[in-house]
Amino acid sequence: MAGALALEEAHEAISKLKALKAFLSPKDEETLSILMDKELSVNLKTSLEEADAGVLEPLENILK
């Protein structure tokens, strides 16, 4: 039963987003697409947690 409720809520959320799409700026659409990308959201959360913990990679190493 909980799965059916979750599916119904997801369907409603998608319907609302489709209705609002005409009012969203390109930046808003980009933000929503990032938030809806589960893998990217997990990676961002991990990165923020690592930054808070002081686990940082120097930019020079990243750009190599």
C-alpha atoms as a PDB file:
ATOM      1  CA  MET A   1       0.000   0.000   0.000  1.00  0.00           C
ATOM      2  CA  ALA A   2       2.861   2.411   0.831  1.00  0.00           C
ATOM      3  CA  GLY A   3       4.356   1.834  -2.626  1.00  0.00           C
ATOM      4  CA  ALA A   4       1.073   2.772  -4.291  1.00  0.00           C
ATOM      5  CA  LEU A   5       0.900   5.963  -2.227  1.00  0.00           C
ATOM      6  CA  ALA A   6       4.481   6.880  -3.124  1.00  0.00           C
ATOM      7  CA  LEU A   7       3.743   6.287  -6.810  1.00  0.00           C
ATOM      8  CA  GLU A   8       0.637   8.467  -6.606  1.00  0.00           C
ATOM      9  CA  GLU A   9       2.592  11.244  -4.859  1.00  0.00           C
ATOM     10  CA  ALA A  10       5.348  11.041  -7.480  1.00  0.00           C
ATOM     11  CA  HIS A  11       2.778  11.249 -10.275  1.00  0.00           C
ATOM     12  CA  GLU A  12       1.215  14.337  -8.646  1.00  0.00           C
ATOM     13  CA  ALA A  13       4.632  15.967  -8.241  1.00  0.00           C
ATOM     14  CA  ILE A  14       5.464  15.366 -11.907  1.00  0.00           C
ATOM     15  CA  SER A  15       2.119  16.819 -12.974  1.00  0.00           C
ATOM     16  CA  LYS A  16       2.769  19.926 -10.877  1.00  0.00           C
ATOM     17  CA  LEU A  17       6.272  20.329 -12.312  1.00  0.00           C
ATOM     18  CA  LYS A  18       4.941  20.046 -15.862  1.00  0.00           C
ATOM     19  CA  ALA A  19       2.372  22.750 -15.105  1.00  0.00           C
ATOM     20  CA  LEU A  20       5.008  25.021 -13.574  1.00  0.00           C
ATOM     21  CA  LYS A  21       7.618  24.459 -16.294  1.00  0.00           C
ATOM     22  CA  ALA A  22       6.377  27.425 -18.314  1.00  0.00           C
ATOM     23  CA  PHE A  23       7.154  29.698 -15.350  1.00  0.00           C
ATOM     24  CA  LEU A  24      10.639  28.352 -14.591  1.00  0.00           C
ATOM     25  CA  SER A  25      13.802  30.101 -15.662  1.00  0.00           C
ATOM     26  CA  PRO A  26      16.553  28.054 -17.313  1.00  0.00           C
ATOM     27  CA  LYS A  27      18.467  28.173 -14.011  1.00  0.00           C
ATOM     28  CA  ASP A  28      15.420  26.851 -12.144  1.00  0.00           C
ATOM     29  CA  GLU A  29      15.091  24.009 -14.647  1.00  0.00           C
ATOM     30  CA  GLU A  30      18.779  23.182 -14.285  1.00  0.00           C
ATOM     31  CA  THR A  31      18.490  23.160 -10.488  1.00  0.00           C
ATOM     32  CA  LEU A  32      15.474  20.857 -10.642  1.00  0.00           C
ATOM     33  CA  SER A  33      17.217  18.474 -13.018  1.00  0.00           C
ATOM     34  CA  ILE A  34      20.198  18.300 -10.649  1.00  0.00           C
ATOM     35  CA  LEU A  35      17.967  17.688  -7.640  1.00  0.00           C
ATOM     36  CA  MET A  36      16.093  14.961  -9.502  1.00  0.00           C
ATOM     37  CA  ASP A  37      19.323  13.191 -10.507  1.00  0.00           C
ATOM     38  CA  LYS A  38      19.745  10.713  -7.649  1.00  0.00           C
ATOM     39  CA  GLU A  39      23.385   9.809  -8.366  1.00  0.00           C
ATOM     40  CA  LEU A  40      24.411  13.445  -8.705  1.00  0.00           C
ATOM     41  CA  SER A  41      22.570  14.361  -5.497  1.00  0.00           C
ATOM     42  CA  VAL A  42      24.425  11.621  -3.609  1.00  0.00           C
ATOM     43  CA  ASN A  43      27.760  12.822  -5.026  1.00  0.00           C
ATOM     44  CA  LEU A  44      27.012  16.428  -4.052  1.00  0.00           C
ATOM     45  CA  LYS A  45      25.989  15.405  -0.534  1.00  0.00           C
ATOM     46  CA  THR A  46      29.172  13.363  -0.136  1.00  0.00           C
ATOM     47  CA  SER A  47      31.301  16.236  -1.404  1.00  0.00           C
ATOM     48  CA  LEU A  48      29.693  18.704   0.988  1.00  0.00           C
ATOM     49  CA  GLU A  49      30.174  16.304   3.914  1.00  0.00           C
ATOM     50  CA  GLU A  50      33.830  15.833   2.976  1.00  0.00           C
ATOM     51  CA  ALA A  51      34.339  19.597   2.716  1.00  0.00           C
ATOM     52  CA  ASP A  52      32.753  20.095   6.149  1.00  0.00           C
ATOM     53  CA  ALA A  53      35.112  17.434   7.528  1.00  0.00           C
ATOM     54  CA  GLY A  54      38.118  19.182   5.975  1.00  0.00           C
ATOM     55  CA  VAL A  55      38.733  16.457   3.402  1.00  0.00           C
ATOM     56  CA  LEU A  56      39.622  18.632   0.425  1.00  0.00           C
ATOM     57  CA  GLU A  57      41.419  18.038  -2.866  1.00  0.00           C
ATOM     58  CA  PRO A  58      43.563  20.936  -4.068  1.00  0.00           C
ATOM     59  CA  LEU A  59      42.216  22.496  -7.271  1.00  0.00           C
ATOM     60  CA  GLU A  60      45.596  22.015  -8.942  1.00  0.00           C
ATOM     61  CA  ASN A  61      45.214  18.236  -8.559  1.00  0.00           C
ATOM     62  CA  ILE A  62      41.699  18.282  -9.967  1.00  0.00           C
ATOM     63  CA  LEU A  63      42.681  20.321 -13.040  1.00  0.00           C
ATOM     64  CA  LYS A  64      45.615  18.063 -13.966  1.00  0.00           C
END
